[in-house]
Amino acid sequence: MAGVTFKNGRKTRQAILRALKWGDEVMESVNFETYEYEGKPAVYVKLNNQVVGNVPANKVSEFLELESAHHRENITADIYGGNKLDDGSRSSYGCKITVRYLKEEL
């Protein structure tokens, strides 16, 4: 997933990921929303209907093909980061999204 350090209105994407990782919020849904960026298709990744990042630009075409041709079987979201670094700061949060599709086509 890309774009996890951008601001998201009042609540930053980092704050959303932090709250989900440490259990301040419960993960209820993982969704995708297509949109256009600079004339090209793009896809938001949403956790609990909050944008936390994007499908990387170089993966959008492949992702959209899979979405249009196959049934999703399962989606998992693994949030990582927030570890304390040697200088006392914390690493940025990120999220790995895994989507499994059924073999048969729609």
N, C-alpha and C. Protein backbone atom coordinates (compact mmCIF):
# COMPACT_ATOMS: atom_id res chain seq x y z
N MET A 1 0.85 -1.16 0.00
CA MET A 1 0.00 0.00 0.00
C MET A 1 0.90 1.23 0.00
N ALA A 2 0.49 2.28 -0.69
CA ALA A 2 1.27 3.51 -0.80
C ALA A 2 0.48 4.68 -0.22
N GLY A 3 1.18 5.76 0.10
CA GLY A 3 0.52 6.99 0.52
C GLY A 3 0.04 7.02 1.94
N VAL A 4 0.67 6.27 2.85
CA VAL A 4 0.16 6.17 4.22
C VAL A 4 0.53 7.36 5.10
N THR A 5 1.40 8.25 4.64
CA THR A 5 1.79 9.38 5.48
C THR A 5 1.08 10.67 5.10
N PHE A 6 0.19 10.64 4.11
CA PHE A 6 -0.54 11.84 3.72
C PHE A 6 -1.61 12.16 4.75
N LYS A 7 -1.99 13.46 4.79
CA LYS A 7 -3.08 13.87 5.68
C LYS A 7 -4.40 13.45 5.07
N ASN A 8 -5.38 13.31 5.93
CA ASN A 8 -6.69 12.80 5.54
C ASN A 8 -7.77 13.67 6.16
N GLY A 9 -7.77 14.94 5.87
CA GLY A 9 -8.73 15.81 6.54
C GLY A 9 -8.27 16.05 7.97
N ARG A 10 -9.18 15.89 8.93
CA ARG A 10 -8.85 16.15 10.34
C ARG A 10 -7.99 15.06 10.96
N LYS A 11 -8.16 13.82 10.53
CA LYS A 11 -7.45 12.70 11.12
C LYS A 11 -6.41 12.18 10.12
N THR A 12 -5.16 12.13 10.51
CA THR A 12 -4.14 11.68 9.58
C THR A 12 -4.24 10.17 9.35
N ARG A 13 -3.71 9.74 8.24
CA ARG A 13 -3.69 8.31 7.93
C ARG A 13 -2.86 7.57 8.97
N GLN A 14 -1.79 8.19 9.45
CA GLN A 14 -0.97 7.57 10.48
C GLN A 14 -1.77 7.38 11.77
N ALA A 15 -2.61 8.36 12.13
CA ALA A 15 -3.44 8.25 13.34
C ALA A 15 -4.45 7.11 13.21
N ILE A 16 -5.02 6.95 12.02
CA ILE A 16 -5.99 5.87 11.78
C ILE A 16 -5.30 4.52 11.94
N LEU A 17 -4.13 4.37 11.30
CA LEU A 17 -3.40 3.10 11.38
C LEU A 17 -2.95 2.81 12.81
N ARG A 18 -2.49 3.84 13.52
CA ARG A 18 -2.04 3.67 14.90
C ARG A 18 -3.19 3.15 15.78
N ALA A 19 -4.35 3.79 15.65
CA ALA A 19 -5.51 3.40 16.46
C ALA A 19 -5.94 1.96 16.18
N LEU A 20 -5.87 1.54 14.94
CA LEU A 20 -6.24 0.17 14.59
C LEU A 20 -5.19 -0.83 15.08
N LYS A 21 -3.91 -0.46 14.96
CA LYS A 21 -2.85 -1.40 15.38
C LYS A 21 -2.90 -1.65 16.88
N TRP A 22 -3.09 -0.61 17.67
CA TRP A 22 -3.01 -0.75 19.12
C TRP A 22 -4.37 -1.02 19.76
N GLY A 23 -5.41 -1.25 18.96
CA GLY A 23 -6.70 -1.65 19.50
C GLY A 23 -7.58 -0.53 20.01
N ASP A 24 -7.22 0.73 19.73
CA ASP A 24 -8.09 1.84 20.11
C ASP A 24 -9.36 1.84 19.26
N GLU A 25 -9.26 1.27 18.07
CA GLU A 25 -10.41 1.06 17.19
C GLU A 25 -10.36 -0.39 16.72
N VAL A 26 -11.52 -0.95 16.43
CA VAL A 26 -11.62 -2.33 15.95
C VAL A 26 -11.74 -2.31 14.43
N MET A 27 -10.96 -3.15 13.76
CA MET A 27 -11.04 -3.27 12.31
C MET A 27 -12.35 -3.97 11.95
N GLU A 28 -13.21 -3.24 11.26
CA GLU A 28 -14.50 -3.79 10.87
C GLU A 28 -14.62 -4.05 9.38
N SER A 29 -13.89 -3.26 8.57
CA SER A 29 -14.02 -3.44 7.12
C SER A 29 -12.76 -2.99 6.39
N VAL A 30 -12.54 -3.64 5.25
CA VAL A 30 -11.48 -3.26 4.31
C VAL A 30 -12.18 -3.08 2.96
N ASN A 31 -12.09 -1.89 2.41
CA ASN A 31 -12.76 -1.58 1.14
C ASN A 31 -11.80 -0.88 0.20
N PHE A 32 -12.20 -0.82 -1.04
CA PHE A 32 -11.44 -0.11 -2.07
C PHE A 32 -12.38 0.86 -2.76
N GLU A 33 -11.83 2.01 -3.16
CA GLU A 33 -12.63 3.00 -3.88
C GLU A 33 -11.82 3.50 -5.06
N THR A 34 -12.37 3.35 -6.25
CA THR A 34 -11.66 3.83 -7.44
C THR A 34 -11.91 5.33 -7.61
N TYR A 35 -10.91 5.99 -8.15
CA TYR A 35 -11.01 7.41 -8.48
C TYR A 35 -9.99 7.70 -9.58
N GLU A 36 -9.92 8.93 -10.00
CA GLU A 36 -8.97 9.30 -11.05
C GLU A 36 -7.95 10.28 -10.49
N TYR A 37 -6.68 10.06 -10.81
CA TYR A 37 -5.60 10.95 -10.37
C TYR A 37 -4.75 11.28 -11.59
N GLU A 38 -4.67 12.54 -11.90
CA GLU A 38 -3.92 13.03 -13.06
C GLU A 38 -4.31 12.27 -14.33
N GLY A 39 -5.61 12.06 -14.50
CA GLY A 39 -6.14 11.43 -15.70
C GLY A 39 -5.99 9.92 -15.77
N LYS A 40 -5.52 9.31 -14.70
CA LYS A 40 -5.33 7.86 -14.68
C LYS A 40 -6.14 7.24 -13.55
N PRO A 41 -6.54 5.96 -13.72
CA PRO A 41 -7.27 5.31 -12.63
C PRO A 41 -6.39 5.14 -11.39
N ALA A 42 -7.01 5.28 -10.24
CA ALA A 42 -6.32 5.10 -8.95
C ALA A 42 -7.31 4.43 -8.00
N VAL A 43 -6.78 3.86 -6.91
CA VAL A 43 -7.63 3.13 -5.98
C VAL A 43 -7.23 3.47 -4.55
N TYR A 44 -8.19 4.00 -3.78
CA TYR A 44 -7.99 4.20 -2.35
C TYR A 44 -8.14 2.87 -1.63
N VAL A 45 -7.37 2.70 -0.55
CA VAL A 45 -7.57 1.60 0.38
C VAL A 45 -8.21 2.21 1.62
N LYS A 46 -9.35 1.62 2.03
CA LYS A 46 -10.10 2.17 3.16
C LYS A 46 -10.25 1.10 4.24
N LEU A 47 -9.91 1.47 5.46
CA LEU A 47 -10.16 0.62 6.62
C LEU A 47 -11.23 1.32 7.44
N ASN A 48 -12.29 0.60 7.75
CA ASN A 48 -13.44 1.20 8.45
C ASN A 48 -13.93 2.46 7.75
N ASN A 49 -13.96 2.42 6.43
CA ASN A 49 -14.41 3.52 5.58
C ASN A 49 -13.58 4.79 5.72
N GLN A 50 -12.33 4.65 6.14
CA GLN A 50 -11.41 5.78 6.25
C GLN A 50 -10.22 5.51 5.32
N VAL A 51 -9.89 6.47 4.46
CA VAL A 51 -8.78 6.28 3.54
C VAL A 51 -7.48 6.22 4.32
N VAL A 52 -6.72 5.12 4.13
CA VAL A 52 -5.43 4.97 4.80
C VAL A 52 -4.27 4.87 3.80
N GLY A 53 -4.57 4.82 2.51
CA GLY A 53 -3.52 4.73 1.50
C GLY A 53 -4.11 4.43 0.15
N ASN A 54 -3.23 4.00 -0.75
CA ASN A 54 -3.63 3.71 -2.12
C ASN A 54 -3.00 2.40 -2.57
N VAL A 55 -3.66 1.76 -3.53
CA VAL A 55 -3.01 0.67 -4.24
C VAL A 55 -1.86 1.34 -5.01
N PRO A 56 -0.62 0.82 -4.93
CA PRO A 56 0.49 1.45 -5.65
C PRO A 56 0.16 1.63 -7.14
N ALA A 57 0.56 2.77 -7.69
CA ALA A 57 0.22 3.11 -9.07
C ALA A 57 0.61 2.02 -10.06
N ASN A 58 1.74 1.36 -9.82
CA ASN A 58 2.19 0.33 -10.76
C ASN A 58 1.40 -0.98 -10.62
N LYS A 59 0.51 -1.08 -9.64
CA LYS A 59 -0.31 -2.27 -9.42
C LYS A 59 -1.79 -2.05 -9.72
N VAL A 60 -2.19 -0.80 -10.00
CA VAL A 60 -3.61 -0.47 -10.18
C VAL A 60 -4.23 -1.25 -11.32
N SER A 61 -3.58 -1.30 -12.48
CA SER A 61 -4.13 -1.99 -13.63
C SER A 61 -4.38 -3.47 -13.33
N GLU A 62 -3.39 -4.14 -12.75
CA GLU A 62 -3.52 -5.55 -12.40
C GLU A 62 -4.64 -5.76 -11.37
N PHE A 63 -4.69 -4.88 -10.35
CA PHE A 63 -5.73 -4.96 -9.32
C PHE A 63 -7.12 -4.83 -9.94
N LEU A 64 -7.31 -3.83 -10.79
CA LEU A 64 -8.63 -3.60 -11.39
C LEU A 64 -9.04 -4.77 -12.30
N GLU A 65 -8.08 -5.37 -13.00
CA GLU A 65 -8.38 -6.56 -13.82
C GLU A 65 -8.86 -7.71 -12.94
N LEU A 66 -8.15 -7.97 -11.85
CA LEU A 66 -8.55 -9.05 -10.93
C LEU A 66 -9.92 -8.78 -10.34
N GLU A 67 -10.16 -7.53 -9.93
CA GLU A 67 -11.45 -7.17 -9.33
C GLU A 67 -12.61 -7.36 -10.30
N SER A 68 -12.37 -7.09 -11.58
CA SER A 68 -13.47 -7.19 -12.55
C SER A 68 -13.68 -8.62 -13.05
N ALA A 69 -12.68 -9.49 -12.90
CA ALA A 69 -12.77 -10.83 -13.47
C ALA A 69 -13.01 -11.94 -12.44
N HIS A 70 -12.72 -11.70 -11.16
CA HIS A 70 -12.79 -12.78 -10.17
C HIS A 70 -13.55 -12.36 -8.91
N HIS A 71 -14.09 -13.37 -8.23
CA HIS A 71 -14.72 -13.14 -6.93
C HIS A 71 -13.64 -13.07 -5.86
N ARG A 72 -13.77 -12.11 -4.95
CA ARG A 72 -12.87 -12.07 -3.80
C ARG A 72 -13.25 -13.18 -2.83
N GLU A 73 -12.23 -13.87 -2.32
CA GLU A 73 -12.47 -14.89 -1.31
C GLU A 73 -12.19 -14.34 0.09
N ASN A 74 -11.14 -13.53 0.20
CA ASN A 74 -10.71 -13.07 1.52
C ASN A 74 -9.84 -11.83 1.37
N ILE A 75 -9.93 -10.94 2.35
CA ILE A 75 -9.05 -9.77 2.43
C ILE A 75 -8.50 -9.71 3.84
N THR A 76 -7.18 -9.51 3.96
CA THR A 76 -6.58 -9.29 5.27
C THR A 76 -5.80 -7.98 5.24
N ALA A 77 -5.75 -7.32 6.38
CA ALA A 77 -5.00 -6.08 6.53
C ALA A 77 -4.08 -6.24 7.73
N ASP A 78 -2.78 -6.21 7.49
CA ASP A 78 -1.79 -6.33 8.56
C ASP A 78 -1.09 -4.99 8.73
N ILE A 79 -1.32 -4.36 9.86
CA ILE A 79 -0.72 -3.05 10.15
C ILE A 79 0.60 -3.27 10.86
N TYR A 80 1.61 -2.54 10.43
CA TYR A 80 2.94 -2.68 11.02
C TYR A 80 3.51 -1.28 11.30
N GLY A 81 4.64 -1.24 11.99
CA GLY A 81 5.31 0.03 12.28
C GLY A 81 4.99 0.53 13.67
N GLY A 82 5.39 1.77 13.93
CA GLY A 82 5.19 2.36 15.24
C GLY A 82 6.23 1.92 16.25
N ASN A 83 7.28 1.29 15.75
CA ASN A 83 8.33 0.81 16.64
C ASN A 83 9.24 1.96 17.07
N LYS A 84 9.71 1.90 18.29
CA LYS A 84 10.61 2.93 18.81
C LYS A 84 11.99 2.74 18.17
N LEU A 85 12.52 3.83 17.63
CA LEU A 85 13.83 3.81 16.99
C LEU A 85 14.92 4.23 17.98
N ASP A 86 16.17 4.00 17.61
CA ASP A 86 17.31 4.32 18.49
C ASP A 86 17.32 5.78 18.93
N ASP A 87 16.85 6.69 18.06
CA ASP A 87 16.87 8.12 18.41
C ASP A 87 15.65 8.54 19.23
N GLY A 88 14.79 7.58 19.60
CA GLY A 88 13.61 7.88 20.42
C GLY A 88 12.35 8.13 19.62
N SER A 89 12.49 8.35 18.31
CA SER A 89 11.30 8.56 17.48
C SER A 89 10.68 7.19 17.17
N ARG A 90 9.56 7.22 16.48
CA ARG A 90 8.89 5.98 16.09
C ARG A 90 8.84 5.87 14.58
N SER A 91 8.90 4.63 14.09
CA SER A 91 8.79 4.40 12.65
C SER A 91 7.36 4.66 12.20
N SER A 92 7.20 5.01 10.93
CA SER A 92 5.87 5.24 10.37
C SER A 92 5.08 3.94 10.35
N TYR A 93 3.76 4.08 10.44
CA TYR A 93 2.88 2.93 10.32
C TYR A 93 2.65 2.65 8.85
N GLY A 94 2.41 1.41 8.53
CA GLY A 94 2.08 0.98 7.19
C GLY A 94 1.07 -0.15 7.29
N CYS A 95 0.62 -0.61 6.15
CA CYS A 95 -0.37 -1.68 6.13
C CYS A 95 -0.18 -2.53 4.89
N LYS A 96 -0.13 -3.83 5.09
CA LYS A 96 -0.05 -4.76 3.98
C LYS A 96 -1.43 -5.37 3.79
N ILE A 97 -1.98 -5.17 2.61
CA ILE A 97 -3.29 -5.71 2.27
C ILE A 97 -3.08 -6.94 1.39
N THR A 98 -3.71 -8.04 1.76
CA THR A 98 -3.65 -9.25 0.95
C THR A 98 -5.07 -9.60 0.52
N VAL A 99 -5.25 -9.74 -0.79
CA VAL A 99 -6.57 -10.09 -1.34
C VAL A 99 -6.44 -11.44 -2.02
N ARG A 100 -7.28 -12.38 -1.62
CA ARG A 100 -7.32 -13.69 -2.28
C ARG A 100 -8.57 -13.75 -3.14
N TYR A 101 -8.36 -14.23 -4.36
CA TYR A 101 -9.47 -14.37 -5.31
C TYR A 101 -9.74 -15.83 -5.57
N LEU A 102 -10.99 -16.14 -5.86
CA LEU A 102 -11.34 -17.49 -6.29
C LEU A 102 -10.85 -17.68 -7.72
N LYS A 103 -10.44 -18.89 -8.04
CA LYS A 103 -9.85 -19.18 -9.33
C LYS A 103 -10.83 -18.97 -10.49
N GLU A 104 -12.08 -19.36 -10.29
CA GLU A 104 -13.02 -19.24 -11.38
C GLU A 104 -13.36 -17.77 -11.66
N GLU A 105 -13.61 -17.48 -12.91
CA GLU A 105 -13.92 -16.10 -13.32
C GLU A 105 -15.39 -15.80 -13.13
N LEU A 106 -15.71 -14.50 -13.08
CA LEU A 106 -17.11 -14.05 -12.93
C LEU A 106 -17.92 -14.41 -14.14
